[in-house]
Structures are given as structure tokens and as C-alpha cells.
PDB file of N, CA and C in Angstrom:
ATOM      1  N   MET A   1       0.905  -1.178  -0.034  1.00  0.00           N
ATOM      2  CA  MET A   1      -0.075   0.102  -0.006  1.00  0.00           C
ATOM      3  C   MET A   1       0.943   1.233   0.204  1.00  0.00           C
ATOM      4  N   THR A   2       1.235   1.850  -1.203  1.00  0.00           N
ATOM      5  CA  THR A   2       1.997   2.968  -1.344  1.00  0.00           C
ATOM      6  C   THR A   2       1.496   4.229  -0.434  1.00  0.00           C
ATOM      7  N   GLY A   3       2.313   4.876   0.210  1.00  0.00           N
ATOM      8  CA  GLY A   3       1.793   6.197   1.012  1.00  0.00           C
ATOM      9  C   GLY A   3       1.186   5.840   2.418  1.00  0.00           C
ATOM     10  N   ALA A   4       1.143   4.459   2.819  1.00  0.00           N
ATOM     11  CA  ALA A   4       0.622   4.194   4.122  1.00  0.00           C
ATOM     12  C   ALA A   4       1.882   3.815   4.864  1.00  0.00           C
ATOM     13  N   TYR A   5       2.093   4.513   6.068  1.00  0.00           N
ATOM     14  CA  TYR A   5       3.278   4.255   6.923  1.00  0.00           C
ATOM     15  C   TYR A   5       2.773   4.124   8.178  1.00  0.00           C
ATOM     16  N   LEU A   6       3.674   3.315   9.166  1.00  0.00           N
ATOM     17  CA  LEU A   6       3.474   3.431  10.657  1.00  0.00           C
ATOM     18  C   LEU A   6       4.527   4.261  11.338  1.00  0.00           C
ATOM     19  N   PRO A   7       4.247   4.713  12.462  1.00  0.00           N
ATOM     20  CA  PRO A   7       5.066   5.409  13.271  1.00  0.00           C
ATOM     21  C   PRO A   7       6.299   4.706  13.609  1.00  0.00           C
ATOM     22  N   ALA A   8       7.450   5.301  13.631  1.00  0.00           N
ATOM     23  CA  ALA A   8       8.733   4.681  14.033  1.00  0.00           C
ATOM     24  C   ALA A   8       8.639   3.992  15.366  1.00  0.00           C
ATOM     25  N   GLY A   9       9.170   2.763  15.334  1.00  0.00           N
ATOM     26  CA  GLY A   9       8.970   2.015  16.728  1.00  0.00           C
ATOM     27  C   GLY A   9       7.738   1.470  17.011  1.00  0.00           C
ATOM     28  N   TRP A  10       6.729   1.499  16.193  1.00  0.00           N
ATOM     29  CA  TRP A  10       5.442   0.820  16.478  1.00  0.00           C
ATOM     30  C   TRP A  10       5.178  -0.173  15.342  1.00  0.00           C
ATOM     31  N   THR A  11       4.418  -1.232  15.866  1.00  0.00           N
ATOM     32  CA  THR A  11       3.864  -2.147  14.842  1.00  0.00           C
ATOM     33  C   THR A  11       2.381  -1.973  14.875  1.00  0.00           C
ATOM     34  N   LEU A  12       1.770  -2.501  13.843  1.00  0.00           N
ATOM     35  CA  LEU A  12       0.336  -2.364  13.675  1.00  0.00           C
ATOM     36  C   LEU A  12      -0.415  -3.094  14.966  1.00  0.00           C
ATOM     37  N   GLN A  13       0.051  -4.191  15.407  1.00  0.00           N
ATOM     38  CA  GLN A  13      -0.401  -4.950  16.496  1.00  0.00           C
ATOM     39  C   GLN A  13      -0.276  -4.045  17.839  1.00  0.00           C
ATOM     40  N   GLN A  14       0.821  -3.335  17.973  1.00  0.00           N
ATOM     41  CA  GLN A  14       0.915  -2.627  19.238  1.00  0.00           C
ATOM     42  C   GLN A  14      -0.230  -1.452  19.026  1.00  0.00           C
ATOM     43  N   ILE A  15      -0.317  -0.787  17.895  1.00  0.00           N
ATOM     44  CA  ILE A  15      -1.329   0.125  17.855  1.00  0.00           C
ATOM     45  C   ILE A  15      -2.607  -0.323  18.104  1.00  0.00           C
ATOM     46  N   ARG A  16      -3.021  -1.429  17.529  1.00  0.00           N
ATOM     47  CA  ARG A  16      -4.232  -2.089  17.875  1.00  0.00           C
ATOM     48  C   ARG A  16      -4.426  -2.409  19.296  1.00  0.00           C
ATOM     49  N   ASP A  17      -3.381  -3.054  20.151  1.00  0.00           N
ATOM     50  CA  ASP A  17      -3.547  -3.333  21.358  1.00  0.00           C
ATOM     51  C   ASP A  17      -3.650  -2.092  22.319  1.00  0.00           C
ATOM     52  N   VAL A  18      -3.009  -0.886  22.021  1.00  0.00           N
ATOM     53  CA  VAL A  18      -3.131   0.277  22.719  1.00  0.00           C
ATOM     54  C   VAL A  18      -4.540   1.078  22.627  1.00  0.00           C
ATOM     55  N   SER A  19      -5.041   0.977  21.307  1.00  0.00           N
ATOM     56  CA  SER A  19      -6.280   1.697  20.932  1.00  0.00           C
ATOM     57  C   SER A  19      -7.457   0.796  21.296  1.00  0.00           C
ATOM     58  N   GLY A  20      -7.237  -0.581  21.363  1.00  0.00           N
ATOM     59  CA  GLY A  20      -8.507  -1.482  21.682  1.00  0.00           C
ATOM     60  C   GLY A  20      -9.095  -1.673  20.513  1.00  0.00           C
ATOM     61  N   ASP A  21      -8.602  -1.176  19.242  1.00  0.00           N
ATOM     62  CA  ASP A  21      -9.446  -1.518  17.966  1.00  0.00           C
ATOM     63  C   ASP A  21      -8.581  -2.488  17.229  1.00  0.00           C
ATOM     64  N   GLN A  22      -8.996  -3.826  16.957  1.00  0.00           N
ATOM     65  CA  GLN A  22      -8.123  -4.738  16.376  1.00  0.00           C
ATOM     66  C   GLN A  22      -8.472  -4.581  14.818  1.00  0.00           C
ATOM     67  N   GLN A  23      -9.119  -3.690  14.343  1.00  0.00           N
ATOM     68  CA  GLN A  23      -9.249  -3.444  12.901  1.00  0.00           C
ATOM     69  C   GLN A  23      -8.580  -2.152  12.460  1.00  0.00           C
ATOM     70  N   ALA A  24      -7.702  -1.632  13.441  1.00  0.00           N
ATOM     71  CA  ALA A  24      -7.017  -0.313  13.006  1.00  0.00           C
ATOM     72  C   ALA A  24      -6.170  -0.656  11.884  1.00  0.00           C
ATOM     73  N   THR A  25      -5.775   0.223  11.130  1.00  0.00           N
ATOM     74  CA  THR A  25      -5.087   0.127   9.864  1.00  0.00           C
ATOM     75  C   THR A  25      -4.325   1.476   9.403  1.00  0.00           C
ATOM     76  N   ALA A  26      -3.176   1.415   8.703  1.00  0.00           N
ATOM     77  CA  ALA A  26      -2.661   2.550   8.244  1.00  0.00           C
ATOM     78  C   ALA A  26      -3.247   2.973   6.843  1.00  0.00           C
ATOM     79  N   LEU A  27      -3.524   4.197   6.600  1.00  0.00           N
ATOM     80  CA  LEU A  27      -4.119   4.516   5.366  1.00  0.00           C
ATOM     81  C   LEU A  27      -3.053   5.285   4.514  1.00  0.00           C
ATOM     82  N   ASN A  28      -3.296   5.446   3.277  1.00  0.00           N
ATOM     83  CA  ASN A  28      -2.530   6.120   2.183  1.00  0.00           C
ATOM     84  C   ASN A  28      -2.639   7.560   2.605  1.00  0.00           C
ATOM     85  N   THR A  29      -1.529   8.381   2.514  1.00  0.00           N
ATOM     86  CA  THR A  29      -1.463   9.691   2.938  1.00  0.00           C
ATOM     87  C   THR A  29      -1.978  10.709   1.830  1.00  0.00           C
ATOM     88  N   SER A  30      -2.319  10.268   0.694  1.00  0.00           N
ATOM     89  CA  SER A  30      -2.775  10.991  -0.495  1.00  0.00           C
ATOM     90  C   SER A  30      -4.296  11.396  -0.212  1.00  0.00           C
ATOM     91  N   ARG A  31      -4.424  12.257   0.612  1.00  0.00           N
ATOM     92  CA  ARG A  31      -5.813  12.639   0.873  1.00  0.00           C
ATOM     93  C   ARG A  31      -5.846  14.035   1.560  1.00  0.00           C
ATOM     94  N   THR A  32      -7.072  14.734   1.483  1.00  0.00           N
ATOM     95  CA  THR A  32      -7.103  16.009   2.033  1.00  0.00           C
ATOM     96  C   THR A  32      -7.328  15.906   3.608  1.00  0.00           C
ATOM     97  N   VAL A  33      -6.599  16.581   4.472  1.00  0.00           N
ATOM     98  CA  VAL A  33      -6.733  16.631   5.805  1.00  0.00           C
ATOM     99  C   VAL A  33      -6.880  18.122   6.211  1.00  0.00           C
ATOM    100  N   MET A  34      -7.919  18.399   6.961  1.00  0.00           N
ATOM    101  CA  MET A  34      -8.178  19.663   7.553  1.00  0.00           C
ATOM    102  C   MET A  34      -8.008  19.907   8.946  1.00  0.00           C
ATOM    103  N   TRP A  35      -7.304  20.883   9.544  1.00  0.00           N
ATOM    104  CA  TRP A  35      -7.356  21.250  10.968  1.00  0.00           C
ATOM    105  C   TRP A  35      -8.510  22.159  11.189  1.00  0.00           C
ATOM    106  N   CYS A  36      -9.589  21.695  11.766  1.00  0.00           N
ATOM    107  CA  CYS A  36     -10.820  22.561  12.001  1.00  0.00           C
ATOM    108  C   CYS A  36     -10.842  23.074  13.252  1.00  0.00           C
ATOM    109  N   VAL A  37     -10.733  24.316  13.509  1.00  0.00           N
ATOM    110  CA  VAL A  37     -10.854  24.909  14.708  1.00  0.00           C
ATOM    111  C   VAL A  37     -11.876  26.156  14.522  1.00  0.00           C
ATOM    112  N   PRO A  38     -12.451  26.682  15.628  1.00  0.00           N
ATOM    113  CA  PRO A  38     -13.476  27.696  15.444  1.00  0.00           C
ATOM    114  C   PRO A  38     -12.938  28.822  14.673  1.00  0.00           C
ATOM    115  N   ASP A  39     -13.691  29.243  13.608  1.00  0.00           N
ATOM    116  CA  ASP A  39     -13.516  30.382  12.825  1.00  0.00           C
ATOM    117  C   ASP A  39     -12.291  30.152  11.746  1.00  0.00           C
ATOM    118  N   ALA A  40     -11.762  29.027  11.707  1.00  0.00           N
ATOM    119  CA  ALA A  40     -10.665  28.830  10.829  1.00  0.00           C
ATOM    120  C   ALA A  40     -10.568  27.244  10.368  1.00  0.00           C
ATOM    121  N   GLU A  41      -9.771  27.200   9.179  1.00  0.00           N
ATOM    122  CA  GLU A  41      -9.584  25.894   8.707  1.00  0.00           C
ATOM    123  C   GLU A  41      -8.338  25.909   8.031  1.00  0.00           C
ATOM    124  N   GLU A  42      -7.396  24.955   8.383  1.00  0.00           N
ATOM    125  CA  GLU A  42      -5.880  24.939   7.959  1.00  0.00           C
ATOM    126  C   GLU A  42      -5.848  23.425   7.231  1.00  0.00           C
ATOM    127  N   VAL A  43      -5.174  23.586   6.086  1.00  0.00           N
ATOM    128  CA  VAL A  43      -4.737  22.263   5.419  1.00  0.00           C
ATOM    129  C   VAL A  43      -3.595  21.521   6.153  1.00  0.00           C
ATOM    130  N   VAL A  44      -3.661  20.261   6.389  1.00  0.00           N
ATOM    131  CA  VAL A  44      -2.591  19.614   7.008  1.00  0.00           C
ATOM    132  C   VAL A  44      -2.010  18.572   6.074  1.00  0.00           C
ATOM    133  N   HIS A  45      -0.797  18.470   5.944  1.00  0.00           N
ATOM    134  CA  HIS A  45      -0.016  17.645   5.012  1.00  0.00           C
ATOM    135  C   HIS A  45       0.412  16.513   5.874  1.00  0.00           C
ATOM    136  N   PRO A  46      -0.415  15.373   5.702  1.00  0.00           N
ATOM    137  CA  PRO A  46      -0.252  14.097   6.423  1.00  0.00           C
ATOM    138  C   PRO A  46       1.149  13.242   6.080  1.00  0.00           C
ATOM    139  N   GLU A  47       2.010  12.822   7.168  1.00  0.00           N
ATOM    140  CA  GLU A  47       3.008  11.959   7.142  1.00  0.00           C
ATOM    141  C   GLU A  47       2.516  10.598   7.304  1.00  0.00           C
ATOM    142  N   ILE A  48       1.639  10.454   8.269  1.00  0.00           N
ATOM    143  CA  ILE A  48       1.076   9.091   8.728  1.00  0.00           C
ATOM    144  C   ILE A  48      -0.348   9.396   8.944  1.00  0.00           C
ATOM    145  N   VAL A  49      -1.137   8.248   8.536  1.00  0.00           N
ATOM    146  CA  VAL A  49      -2.721   8.335   8.755  1.00  0.00           C
ATOM    147  C   VAL A  49      -3.011   7.017   9.295  1.00  0.00           C
ATOM    148  N   LEU A  50      -3.553   6.961  10.435  1.00  0.00           N
ATOM    149  CA  LEU A  50      -3.955   5.811  11.173  1.00  0.00           C
ATOM    150  C   LEU A  50      -5.603   5.790  11.307  1.00  0.00           C
ATOM    151  N   ARG A  51      -6.271   4.668  10.887  1.00  0.00           N
ATOM    152  CA  ARG A  51      -7.732   4.629  10.785  1.00  0.00           C
ATOM    153  C   ARG A  51      -8.176   3.778  11.874  1.00  0.00           C
ATOM    154  N   PHE A  52      -9.198   4.232  12.617  1.00  0.00           N
ATOM    155  CA  PHE A  52      -9.908   3.390  13.747  1.00  0.00           C
ATOM    156  C   PHE A  52     -11.415   3.668  13.361  1.00  0.00           C
ATOM    157  N   HIS A  53     -11.916   2.802  12.666  1.00  0.00           N
ATOM    158  CA  HIS A  53     -13.402   2.825  12.143  1.00  0.00           C
ATOM    159  C   HIS A  53     -13.562   4.261  11.622  1.00  0.00           C
ATOM    160  N   SER A  54     -14.332   4.995  12.049  1.00  0.00           N
ATOM    161  CA  SER A  54     -14.557   6.312  11.215  1.00  0.00           C
ATOM    162  C   SER A  54     -13.811   7.445  11.947  1.00  0.00           C
ATOM    163  N   LEU A  55     -12.678   7.109  12.935  1.00  0.00           N
ATOM    164  CA  LEU A  55     -12.000   8.124  13.525  1.00  0.00           C
ATOM    165  C   LEU A  55     -10.354   7.782  12.901  1.00  0.00           C
ATOM    166  N   CYS A  56      -9.738   8.899  12.967  1.00  0.00           N
ATOM    167  CA  CYS A  56      -8.321   8.886  12.313  1.00  0.00           C
ATOM    168  C   CYS A  56      -7.336   9.593  13.186  1.00  0.00           C
ATOM    169  N   LEU A  57      -6.147   9.198  13.299  1.00  0.00           N
ATOM    170  CA  LEU A  57      -5.089  10.066  13.899  1.00  0.00           C
ATOM    171  C   LEU A  57      -4.197  10.291  12.804  1.00  0.00           C
ATOM    172  N   VAL A  58      -3.694  11.599  12.744  1.00  0.00           N
ATOM    173  CA  VAL A  58      -2.874  12.091  11.677  1.00  0.00           C
ATOM    174  C   VAL A  58      -1.699  12.633  12.147  1.00  0.00           C
ATOM    175  N   LYS A  59      -0.507  12.312  11.661  1.00  0.00           N
ATOM    176  CA  LYS A  59       0.751  12.905  12.003  1.00  0.00           C
ATOM    177  C   LYS A  59       1.144  13.811  10.744  1.00  0.00           C
ATOM    178  N   PRO A  60       1.307  15.083  11.120  1.00  0.00           N
ATOM    179  CA  PRO A  60       1.433  15.941   9.893  1.00  0.00           C
ATOM    180  C   PRO A  60       3.020  15.916   9.615  1.00  0.00           C
ATOM    181  N   VAL A  61       3.331  16.246   8.397  1.00  0.00           N
ATOM    182  CA  VAL A  61       4.801  16.460   8.050  1.00  0.00           C
ATOM    183  C   VAL A  61       5.271  17.546   8.852  1.00  0.00           C
ATOM    184  N   HIS A  62       6.477  17.451   9.411  1.00  0.00           N
ATOM    185  CA  HIS A  62       7.242  18.324  10.158  1.00  0.00           C
ATOM    186  C   HIS A  62       6.505  18.992  11.304  1.00  0.00           C
ATOM    187  N   ASP A  63       5.672  17.975  12.114  1.00  0.00           N
ATOM    188  CA  ASP A  63       5.146  18.187  13.295  1.00  0.00           C
ATOM    189  C   ASP A  63       5.108  16.977  14.165  1.00  0.00           C
ATOM    190  N   ASN A  64       5.239  17.178  15.533  1.00  0.00           N
ATOM    191  CA  ASN A  64       5.316  15.942  16.278  1.00  0.00           C
ATOM    192  C   ASN A  64       4.032  15.523  16.982  1.00  0.00           C
ATOM    193  N   ASP A  65       3.125  16.437  16.753  1.00  0.00           N
ATOM    194  CA  ASP A  65       1.677  16.257  17.273  1.00  0.00           C
ATOM    195  C   ASP A  65       1.081  15.174  16.448  1.00  0.00           C
ATOM    196  N   TRP A  66      -0.075  14.611  16.989  1.00  0.00           N
ATOM    197  CA  TRP A  66      -1.010  13.699  16.477  1.00  0.00           C
ATOM    198  C   TRP A  66      -2.466  14.292  16.458  1.00  0.00           C
ATOM    199  N   TYR A  67      -3.056  14.557  15.360  1.00  0.00           N
ATOM    200  CA  TYR A  67      -4.343  15.258  15.236  1.00  0.00           C
ATOM    201  C   TYR A  67      -5.467  14.138  15.153  1.00  0.00           C
ATOM    202  N   MET A  68      -6.491  14.255  15.830  1.00  0.00           N
ATOM    203  CA  MET A  68      -7.575  13.291  15.829  1.00  0.00           C
ATOM    204  C   MET A  68      -8.698  13.982  14.936  1.00  0.00           C
ATOM    205  N   GLY A  69      -9.429  13.091  14.121  1.00  0.00           N
ATOM    206  CA  GLY A  69     -10.257  13.580  13.378  1.00  0.00           C
ATOM    207  C   GLY A  69     -11.439  12.450  12.809  1.00  0.00           C
ATOM    208  N   SER A  70     -12.397  12.885  12.065  1.00  0.00           N
ATOM    209  CA  SER A  70     -13.263  12.035  11.429  1.00  0.00           C
ATOM    210  C   SER A  70     -12.873  11.792   9.928  1.00  0.00           C
ATOM    211  N   LEU A  71     -13.058  10.638   9.569  1.00  0.00           N
ATOM    212  CA  LEU A  71     -12.956  10.142   8.251  1.00  0.00           C
ATOM    213  C   LEU A  71     -14.353  10.403   7.475  1.00  0.00           C
ATOM    214  N   ASN A  72     -14.196  11.278   6.426  1.00  0.00           N
ATOM    215  CA  ASN A  72     -15.346  11.359   5.626  1.00  0.00           C
ATOM    216  C   ASN A  72     -15.529  10.505   4.523  1.00  0.00           C
ATOM    217  N   ASP A  73     -16.794  10.394   3.980  1.00  0.00           N
ATOM    218  CA  ASP A  73     -17.121   9.580   2.983  1.00  0.00           C
ATOM    219  C   ASP A  73     -16.353   9.739   1.657  1.00  0.00           C
ATOM    220  N   ASP A  74     -15.725  10.889   1.398  1.00  0.00           N
ATOM    221  CA  ASP A  74     -14.778  11.082   0.269  1.00  0.00           C
ATOM    222  C   ASP A  74     -13.560  10.688   0.510  1.00  0.00           C
ATOM    223  N   GLY A  75     -13.132  10.268   1.831  1.00  0.00           N
ATOM    224  CA  GLY A  75     -11.474   9.923   2.114  1.00  0.00           C
ATOM    225  C   GLY A  75     -10.829  10.884   2.758  1.00  0.00           C
ATOM    226  N   SER A  76     -11.439  12.318   2.759  1.00  0.00           N
ATOM    227  CA  SER A  76     -10.849  13.437   3.477  1.00  0.00           C
ATOM    228  C   SER A  76     -11.035  13.262   5.031  1.00  0.00           C
ATOM    229  N   ILE A  77     -10.145  14.048   5.673  1.00  0.00           N
ATOM    230  CA  ILE A  77     -10.331  13.972   7.258  1.00  0.00           C
ATOM    231  C   ILE A  77     -10.373  15.230   7.818  1.00  0.00           C
ATOM    232  N   ASP A  78     -11.352  15.578   8.603  1.00  0.00           N
ATOM    233  CA  ASP A  78     -11.537  16.810   9.315  1.00  0.00           C
ATOM    234  C   ASP A  78     -11.135  16.543  10.815  1.00  0.00           C
ATOM    235  N   CYS A  79      -9.976  17.116  11.294  1.00  0.00           N
ATOM    236  CA  CYS A  79      -9.331  17.142  12.635  1.00  0.00           C
ATOM    237  C   CYS A  79      -9.765  18.152  13.598  1.00  0.00           C
ATOM    238  N   TRP A  80     -10.002  17.955  14.784  1.00  0.00           N
ATOM    239  CA  TRP A  80     -10.508  18.788  15.816  1.00  0.00           C
ATOM    240  C   TRP A  80      -9.865  18.787  17.161  1.00  0.00           C
ATOM    241  N   SER A  81      -8.858  17.855  17.197  1.00  0.00           N
ATOM    242  CA  SER A  81      -8.137  17.614  18.520  1.00  0.00           C
ATOM    243  C   SER A  81      -6.801  17.288  18.208  1.00  0.00           C
ATOM    244  N   ALA A  82      -5.718  17.755  19.002  1.00  0.00           N
ATOM    245  CA  ALA A  82      -4.235  17.274  18.857  1.00  0.00           C
ATOM    246  C   ALA A  82      -3.666  16.767  20.200  1.00  0.00           C
ATOM    247  N   TYR A  83      -2.859  15.982  20.093  1.00  0.00           N
ATOM    248  CA  TYR A  83      -2.139  15.232  21.179  1.00  0.00           C
ATOM    249  C   TYR A  83      -0.718  15.378  20.903  1.00  0.00           C
ATOM    250  N   ASP A  84       0.188  15.539  21.854  1.00  0.00           N
ATOM    251  CA  ASP A  84       1.674  15.557  21.635  1.00  0.00           C
ATOM    252  C   ASP A  84       2.249  14.315  21.826  1.00  0.00           C
ATOM    253  N   ASP A  85       1.434  13.230  22.085  1.00  0.00           N
ATOM    254  CA  ASP A  85       1.979  11.936  22.317  1.00  0.00           C
ATOM    255  C   ASP A  85       1.111  10.821  21.616  1.00  0.00           C
ATOM    256  N   LEU A  86       1.688   9.895  20.826  1.00  0.00           N
ATOM    257  CA  LEU A  86       0.875   8.998  20.077  1.00  0.00           C
ATOM    258  C   LEU A  86       0.115   8.039  21.066  1.00  0.00           C
ATOM    259  N   TYR A  87       0.869   7.568  22.099  1.00  0.00           N
ATOM    260  CA  TYR A  87       0.033   6.684  23.180  1.00  0.00           C
ATOM    261  C   TYR A  87      -0.997   7.432  23.734  1.00  0.00           C
ATOM    262  N   GLU A  88      -0.966   8.661  24.064  1.00  0.00           N
ATOM    263  CA  GLU A  88      -2.149   9.277  24.623  1.00  0.00           C
ATOM    264  C   GLU A  88      -3.294   9.513  23.631  1.00  0.00           C
ATOM    265  N   ALA A  89      -2.806   9.679  22.416  1.00  0.00           N
ATOM    266  CA  ALA A  89      -3.874   9.840  21.375  1.00  0.00           C
ATOM    267  C   ALA A  89      -4.588   8.552  21.089  1.00  0.00           C
ATOM    268  N   LEU A  90      -3.895   7.454  21.244  1.00  0.00           N
ATOM    269  CA  LEU A  90      -4.426   6.128  21.037  1.00  0.00           C
ATOM    270  C   LEU A  90      -5.325   5.936  22.046  1.00  0.00           C
ATOM    271  N   ARG A  91      -5.134   6.280  23.458  1.00  0.00           N
ATOM    272  CA  ARG A  91      -5.936   5.829  24.497  1.00  0.00           C
ATOM    273  C   ARG A  91      -7.166   6.861  24.441  1.00  0.00           C
ATOM    274  N   GLY A  92      -7.008   7.967  23.849  1.00  0.00           N
ATOM    275  CA  GLY A  92      -8.044   9.096  23.655  1.00  0.00           C
ATOM    276  C   GLY A  92      -9.106   8.626  22.610  1.00  0.00           C
ATOM    277  N   LEU A  93      -8.977   7.516  21.941  1.00  0.00           N
ATOM    278  CA  LEU A  93      -9.863   7.320  20.997  1.00  0.00           C
ATOM    279  C   LEU A  93     -11.192   6.853  21.447  1.00  0.00           C
TER     280      LEU A  93
END
């Protein structure tokens, strides 16, 4: 799956174990991701996209934060929350 990457030091099974979602998967990064905050939207360039049913965690290029958001029917993602740690983001799902 070209363009689908896992975080350094993590396996897909570790991500599934911490999140509790045994169907979690990495998605292709060729998609529109928006950081949606009140009164503003900003395009996010994803380095890693992890899917958990209808929710996603996105690690932007040149950013250490993990953005949580909803996967839309067209494959785009609207993010509304950010975590500075992947483990905490996985637990926050």
C-alpha cells in the first residue's frame, strides 16, 4: 500500500493493542486533511494516517503532534483535537 506508513518504533499490532481497535489500519497519505478550529480551517499535510473505524489519527509532516479527526465519505479527514504523544492519542480514541 504505497503512501501508508506506521510510526517509527510501532507495529500495527501494538497500535491495535493500545487503541483497543483490532481493525485499526494505516491509510494512504494522499488525501485532504483539514485542521478545523473555530472560525478557521488549515490544510494539514499528512505523514502518517491511522484509521480506527470512522476516526483517524494524523501525524503531519514536520510536526510531532497527532491530530484526531473524522474520516469523511470522500476519504478526506476533518481534525478537531491534537495530542503531543501517540500513546495518549491512542488511549483518547
